[in-house]
C-alpha atoms as a PDB file:
ATOM      1  CA  MET A   1       0.000   0.000   0.000  1.00  0.00           C
ATOM      2  CA  LYS A   2       2.799   2.439   0.899  1.00  0.00           C
ATOM      3  CA  ARG A   3       4.627   1.771  -2.389  1.00  0.00           C
ATOM      4  CA  ALA A   4       1.436   2.400  -4.392  1.00  0.00           C
ATOM      5  CA  PHE A   5       0.905   5.658  -2.491  1.00  0.00           C
ATOM      6  CA  ASP A   6       4.520   6.688  -3.173  1.00  0.00           C
ATOM      7  CA  LEU A   7       4.190   5.960  -6.884  1.00  0.00           C
ATOM      8  CA  LEU A   8       0.897   7.818  -7.308  1.00  0.00           C
ATOM      9  CA  LEU A   9       2.062  10.847  -5.319  1.00  0.00           C
ATOM     10  CA  ALA A  10       5.466  10.927  -7.063  1.00  0.00           C
ATOM     11  CA  LEU A  11       3.859  10.789 -10.511  1.00  0.00           C
ATOM     12  CA  ALA A  12       1.397  13.548  -9.603  1.00  0.00           C
ATOM     13  CA  ALA A  13       4.177  15.675  -8.104  1.00  0.00           C
ATOM     14  CA  ALA A  14       6.405  15.120 -11.157  1.00  0.00           C
ATOM     15  CA  VAL A  15       3.651  16.426 -13.433  1.00  0.00           C
ATOM     16  CA  LEU A  16       2.743  19.379 -11.206  1.00  0.00           C
ATOM     17  CA  LEU A  17       6.352  20.340 -10.533  1.00  0.00           C
ATOM     18  CA  ALA A  18       7.786  19.823 -14.019  1.00  0.00           C
ATOM     19  CA  ALA A  19       7.998  23.559 -14.805  1.00  0.00           C
ATOM     20  CA  PRO A  20       9.599  24.544 -11.453  1.00  0.00           C
ATOM     21  CA  VAL A  21      12.083  21.650 -11.763  1.00  0.00           C
ATOM     22  CA  ILE A  22      13.147  22.856 -15.214  1.00  0.00           C
ATOM     23  CA  MET A  23      13.411  26.458 -13.980  1.00  0.00           C
ATOM     24  CA  VAL A  24      15.562  25.483 -10.978  1.00  0.00           C
ATOM     25  CA  ALA A  25      17.821  23.352 -13.197  1.00  0.00           C
ATOM     26  CA  ILE A  26      18.348  26.315 -15.530  1.00  0.00           C
ATOM     27  CA  LEU A  27      19.040  28.666 -12.593  1.00  0.00           C
ATOM     28  CA  VAL A  28      21.615  26.295 -11.125  1.00  0.00           C
ATOM     29  CA  ARG A  29      23.406  26.058 -14.472  1.00  0.00           C
ATOM     30  CA  LEU A  30      23.292  29.839 -15.048  1.00  0.00           C
ATOM     31  CA  THR A  31      24.622  30.762 -11.598  1.00  0.00           C
ATOM     32  CA  SER A  32      27.534  28.352 -11.217  1.00  0.00           C
ATOM     33  CA  PRO A  33      29.727  26.105 -13.335  1.00  0.00           C
ATOM     34  CA  GLY A  34      28.966  22.397 -13.339  1.00  0.00           C
ATOM     35  CA  PRO A  35      25.916  20.180 -13.702  1.00  0.00           C
ATOM     36  CA  ALA A  36      22.494  21.096 -12.285  1.00  0.00           C
ATOM     37  CA  LEU A  37      22.257  17.805 -10.406  1.00  0.00           C
ATOM     38  CA  TYR A  38      24.545  16.410  -7.757  1.00  0.00           C
ATOM     39  CA  TRP A  39      24.381  12.624  -7.336  1.00  0.00           C
ATOM     40  CA  SER A  40      25.500  11.449  -3.926  1.00  0.00           C
ATOM     41  CA  ASP A  41      26.061   7.946  -2.631  1.00  0.00           C
ATOM     42  CA  ARG A  42      23.495   7.314   0.096  1.00  0.00           C
ATOM     43  CA  VAL A  43      22.625   4.445   2.373  1.00  0.00           C
ATOM     44  CA  GLY A  44      19.268   2.890   1.617  1.00  0.00           C
ATOM     45  CA  ARG A  45      17.222  -0.002   2.899  1.00  0.00           C
ATOM     46  CA  ASN A  46      19.339  -2.723   4.550  1.00  0.00           C
ATOM     47  CA  ASN A  47      22.376  -0.441   4.206  1.00  0.00           C
ATOM     48  CA  ALA A  48      22.522  -0.829   0.422  1.00  0.00           C
ATOM     49  CA  ILE A  49      24.180   2.106  -1.361  1.00  0.00           C
ATOM     50  CA  PHE A  50      22.175   3.993  -3.982  1.00  0.00           C
ATOM     51  CA  ARG A  51      22.737   7.204  -5.936  1.00  0.00           C
ATOM     52  CA  MET A  52      20.462  10.067  -4.862  1.00  0.00           C
ATOM     53  CA  PRO A  53      20.038  13.227  -6.960  1.00  0.00           C
ATOM     54  CA  LYS A  54      19.701  16.738  -5.585  1.00  0.00           C
ATOM     55  CA  PHE A  55      19.919  20.102  -7.237  1.00  0.00           C
ATOM     56  CA  ARG A  56      23.481  21.232  -6.715  1.00  0.00           C
ATOM     57  CA  SER A  57      23.623  23.870  -3.984  1.00  0.00           C
ATOM     58  CA  MET A  58      27.357  23.574  -3.297  1.00  0.00           C
ATOM     59  CA  ARG A  59      30.288  24.487  -5.500  1.00  0.00           C
ATOM     60  CA  ILE A  60      32.121  21.813  -7.477  1.00  0.00           C
ATOM     61  CA  GLY A  61      34.883  20.276  -5.357  1.00  0.00           C
ATOM     62  CA  THR A  62      33.104  20.594  -2.002  1.00  0.00           C
ATOM     63  CA  PRO A  63      33.955  17.565   0.179  1.00  0.00           C
ATOM     64  CA  ALA A  64      31.229  14.880   0.345  1.00  0.00           C
ATOM     65  CA  VAL A  65      30.472  15.215   4.051  1.00  0.00           C
ATOM     66  CA  ALA A  66      27.484  16.334   6.091  1.00  0.00           C
ATOM     67  CA  THR A  67      27.129  20.115   5.873  1.00  0.00           C
ATOM     68  CA  HIS A  68      27.707  20.621   9.598  1.00  0.00           C
ATOM     69  CA  LEU A  69      31.172  19.041   9.211  1.00  0.00           C
ATOM     70  CA  LEU A  70      32.355  21.602   6.650  1.00  0.00           C
ATOM     71  CA  ASP A  71      34.553  24.476   7.742  1.00  0.00           C
ATOM     72  CA  ASN A  72      32.597  27.618   6.867  1.00  0.00           C
ATOM     73  CA  ALA A  73      29.842  25.766   4.991  1.00  0.00           C
ATOM     74  CA  THR A  74      28.385  28.987   3.573  1.00  0.00           C
ATOM     75  CA  SER A  75      31.592  29.603   1.609  1.00  0.00           C
ATOM     76  CA  HIS A  76      30.881  26.407  -0.352  1.00  0.00           C
ATOM     77  CA  LEU A  77      27.374  27.462  -1.415  1.00  0.00           C
ATOM     78  CA  THR A  78      26.579  28.439  -4.980  1.00  0.00           C
ATOM     79  CA  PRO A  79      24.969  31.876  -5.482  1.00  0.00           C
ATOM     80  CA  ILE A  80      21.494  30.306  -5.180  1.00  0.00           C
ATOM     81  CA  GLY A  81      22.524  27.435  -2.896  1.00  0.00           C
ATOM     82  CA  SER A  82      21.242  29.007   0.303  1.00  0.00           C
ATOM     83  CA  PHE A  83      17.849  29.703  -1.284  1.00  0.00           C
ATOM     84  CA  LEU A  84      17.629  26.151  -2.655  1.00  0.00           C
ATOM     85  CA  ARG A  85      18.340  24.680   0.781  1.00  0.00           C
ATOM     86  CA  LYS A  86      16.072  27.013   2.756  1.00  0.00           C
ATOM     87  CA  SER A  87      13.199  26.410   0.341  1.00  0.00           C
ATOM     88  CA  SER A  88      14.006  22.654   0.057  1.00  0.00           C
ATOM     89  CA  LEU A  89      13.900  23.005  -3.732  1.00  0.00           C
ATOM     90  CA  ASP A  90      17.242  21.165  -3.843  1.00  0.00           C
ATOM     91  CA  GLU A  91      15.283  18.038  -2.808  1.00  0.00           C
ATOM     92  CA  LEU A  92      12.929  17.959  -5.835  1.00  0.00           C
ATOM     93  CA  PRO A  93      15.055  15.564  -7.938  1.00  0.00           C
ATOM     94  CA  GLN A  94      14.570  12.943  -5.223  1.00  0.00           C
ATOM     95  CA  LEU A  95      11.178  12.287  -6.817  1.00  0.00           C
ATOM     96  CA  TRP A  96      13.260  10.148  -9.180  1.00  0.00           C
ATOM     97  CA  SER A  97      14.544   8.063  -6.267  1.00  0.00           C
ATOM     98  CA  ILE A  98      10.963   7.580  -5.083  1.00  0.00           C
ATOM     99  CA  LEU A  99       9.795   6.543  -8.556  1.00  0.00           C
ATOM    100  CA  VAL A 100      12.541   3.906  -8.890  1.00  0.00           C
ATOM    101  CA  GLY A 101      11.944   2.595  -5.347  1.00  0.00           C
ATOM    102  CA  ASP A 102      15.195   3.673  -3.684  1.00  0.00           C
ATOM    103  CA  MET A 103      13.248   6.060  -1.459  1.00  0.00           C
ATOM    104  CA  SER A 104       9.774   6.652  -0.072  1.00  0.00           C
ATOM    105  CA  PHE A 105       8.061   9.943   0.715  1.00  0.00           C
ATOM    106  CA  VAL A 106       8.329   9.168   4.443  1.00  0.00           C
ATOM    107  CA  GLY A 107      11.116   7.321   6.239  1.00  0.00           C
ATOM    108  CA  PRO A 108      14.480   8.117   7.801  1.00  0.00           C
ATOM    109  CA  ARG A 109      16.534  10.503   5.673  1.00  0.00           C
ATOM    110  CA  PRO A 110      19.177   8.543   3.726  1.00  0.00           C
ATOM    111  CA  ALA A 111      22.584   8.829   5.354  1.00  0.00           C
ATOM    112  CA  LEU A 112      25.662   9.747   3.374  1.00  0.00           C
ATOM    113  CA  PHE A 113      27.809   6.686   2.655  1.00  0.00           C
ATOM    114  CA  ASN A 114      30.478   7.986   5.060  1.00  0.00           C
ATOM    115  CA  GLN A 115      28.250   8.767   8.065  1.00  0.00           C
ATOM    116  CA  HIS A 116      29.382   5.601   9.830  1.00  0.00           C
ATOM    117  CA  ASP A 117      28.174   6.675  13.287  1.00  0.00           C
ATOM    118  CA  LEU A 118      24.631   7.300  12.008  1.00  0.00           C
ATOM    119  CA  ILE A 119      24.607   4.091   9.937  1.00  0.00           C
ATOM    120  CA  SER A 120      25.768   1.868  12.798  1.00  0.00           C
ATOM    121  CA  LEU A 121      23.304   3.384  15.288  1.00  0.00           C
ATOM    122  CA  ARG A 122      20.446   2.945  12.835  1.00  0.00           C
ATOM    123  CA  THR A 123      21.510  -0.659  12.233  1.00  0.00           C
ATOM    124  CA  ALA A 124      21.623  -1.343  15.987  1.00  0.00           C
ATOM    125  CA  HIS A 125      18.055  -0.024  16.324  1.00  0.00           C
ATOM    126  CA  GLY A 126      16.681  -1.845  13.250  1.00  0.00           C
ATOM    127  CA  VAL A 127      16.051   1.404  11.367  1.00  0.00           C
ATOM    128  CA  HIS A 128      18.224   0.187   8.468  1.00  0.00           C
ATOM    129  CA  ALA A 129      15.317  -2.105   7.446  1.00  0.00           C
ATOM    130  CA  LEU A 130      13.221   0.927   6.416  1.00  0.00           C
ATOM    131  CA  VAL A 131      13.200   2.511   2.975  1.00  0.00           C
ATOM    132  CA  PRO A 132      14.686   5.995   3.429  1.00  0.00           C
ATOM    133  CA  GLY A 133      12.399   8.961   2.936  1.00  0.00           C
ATOM    134  CA  LEU A 134      12.225  12.413   1.438  1.00  0.00           C
ATOM    135  CA  THR A 135      11.028  13.428   4.890  1.00  0.00           C
ATOM    136  CA  GLY A 136      10.621  11.666   8.189  1.00  0.00           C
ATOM    137  CA  TRP A 137       9.753  11.902  11.858  1.00  0.00           C
ATOM    138  CA  ALA A 138      13.268  13.180  12.672  1.00  0.00           C
ATOM    139  CA  GLN A 139      12.968  15.783   9.908  1.00  0.00           C
ATOM    140  CA  VAL A 140       9.839  17.319  11.411  1.00  0.00           C
ATOM    141  CA  ASN A 141      11.280  17.183  14.926  1.00  0.00           C
ATOM    142  CA  GLY A 142      14.541  19.032  14.436  1.00  0.00           C
ATOM    143  CA  ARG A 143      15.998  18.215  11.020  1.00  0.00           C
ATOM    144  CA  ASP A 144      19.642  19.356  10.779  1.00  0.00           C
ATOM    145  CA  GLU A 145      19.703  20.604  14.374  1.00  0.00           C
ATOM    146  CA  LEU A 146      19.421  17.120  15.955  1.00  0.00           C
ATOM    147  CA  LEU A 147      22.229  15.153  17.525  1.00  0.00           C
ATOM    148  CA  ILE A 148      22.755  11.782  15.829  1.00  0.00           C
ATOM    149  CA  ALA A 149      21.496   9.798  18.842  1.00  0.00           C
ATOM    150  CA  ASP A 150      18.313  11.902  18.953  1.00  0.00           C
ATOM    151  CA  LYS A 151      17.791  11.484  15.211  1.00  0.00           C
ATOM    152  CA  VAL A 152      18.102   7.698  15.510  1.00  0.00           C
ATOM    153  CA  ALA A 153      15.704   7.642  18.487  1.00  0.00           C
ATOM    154  CA  LEU A 154      13.118   9.489  16.366  1.00  0.00           C
ATOM    155  CA  ASP A 155      13.775   7.145  13.416  1.00  0.00           C
ATOM    156  CA  ALA A 156      13.265   4.147  15.734  1.00  0.00           C
ATOM    157  CA  HIS A 157      10.001   5.701  16.973  1.00  0.00           C
ATOM    158  CA  TYR A 158       8.869   5.915  13.337  1.00  0.00           C
ATOM    159  CA  LEU A 159       9.862   2.266  12.792  1.00  0.00           C
ATOM    160  CA  ARG A 160       7.602   1.172  15.682  1.00  0.00           C
ATOM    161  CA  ARG A 161       4.694   3.459  14.777  1.00  0.00           C
ATOM    162  CA  GLN A 162       4.715   3.533  10.957  1.00  0.00           C
ATOM    163  CA  SER A 163       1.364   3.654   9.171  1.00  0.00           C
ATOM    164  CA  LEU A 164      -0.187   5.588   6.304  1.00  0.00           C
ATOM    165  CA  THR A 165      -1.981   7.809   8.820  1.00  0.00           C
ATOM    166  CA  PHE A 166       1.321   8.634  10.523  1.00  0.00           C
ATOM    167  CA  ASP A 167       2.901   9.234   7.095  1.00  0.00           C
ATOM    168  CA  PHE A 168       0.128  11.722   6.216  1.00  0.00           C
ATOM    169  CA  ARG A 169       0.747  13.539   9.503  1.00  0.00           C
ATOM    170  CA  ILE A 170       4.495  13.712   8.779  1.00  0.00           C
ATOM    171  CA  LEU A 171       3.882  14.957   5.230  1.00  0.00           C
ATOM    172  CA  TRP A 172       1.590  17.709   6.537  1.00  0.00           C
ATOM    173  CA  MET A 173       4.118  18.700   9.217  1.00  0.00           C
ATOM    174  CA  THR A 174       6.854  18.751   6.555  1.00  0.00           C
ATOM    175  CA  PHE A 175       4.783  21.057   4.344  1.00  0.00           C
ATOM    176  CA  VAL A 176       4.316  23.475   7.245  1.00  0.00           C
ATOM    177  CA  LYS A 177       8.016  23.347   8.237  1.00  0.00           C
ATOM    178  CA  VAL A 178       9.164  23.937   4.651  1.00  0.00           C
ATOM    179  CA  LEU A 179       6.885  26.978   4.389  1.00  0.00           C
ATOM    180  CA  ARG A 180       8.342  28.299   7.665  1.00  0.00           C
ATOM    181  CA  ARG A 181      11.891  27.220   6.723  1.00  0.00           C
ATOM    182  CA  ASP A 182      12.304  25.632  10.149  1.00  0.00           C
ATOM    183  CA  GLY A 183      15.455  23.683  11.072  1.00  0.00           C
ATOM    184  CA  VAL A 184      17.418  24.144   7.844  1.00  0.00           C
ATOM    185  CA  SER A 185      21.180  24.424   7.993  1.00  0.00           C
ATOM    186  CA  HIS A 186      22.989  26.254   5.192  1.00  0.00           C
END
């Protein structure tokens, strides 16, 4: 049921957001050298690695680490990178990952391949068995501001409580947080 919901919503979103996606891709290309998309290696269900697309908000050559680990992260942003992150428009290409089944709309955010502390904690709590999501319970309860242990505790709570009703609640909360630009690091 969840996969069918993901497919239907992703297809509808792809149609509705086609024009904004094209416009953002053009803006990324016009404001900085390099491709519009950045493909990063992420950890998916059962710790399998998959390639996840995002609109590129960082300059070419930025180290592939979590943003909070960068020295002076804002110096790595493209001219529109901060706007893309604050508005979450950089996440739109992840509709592709949902369509191909690497991601769901709701689940724990996919870890970077080199976030070993997050990956091992999630594995210890069984969270690795979930399909990662575009948004999740940790996202709506702190997002980038959470400590790793707190993020995993929220992911584990989602694992125990998951349902379509809970997913709808998380999607609504995400919509509100994105509009308010709550909890976004840049």
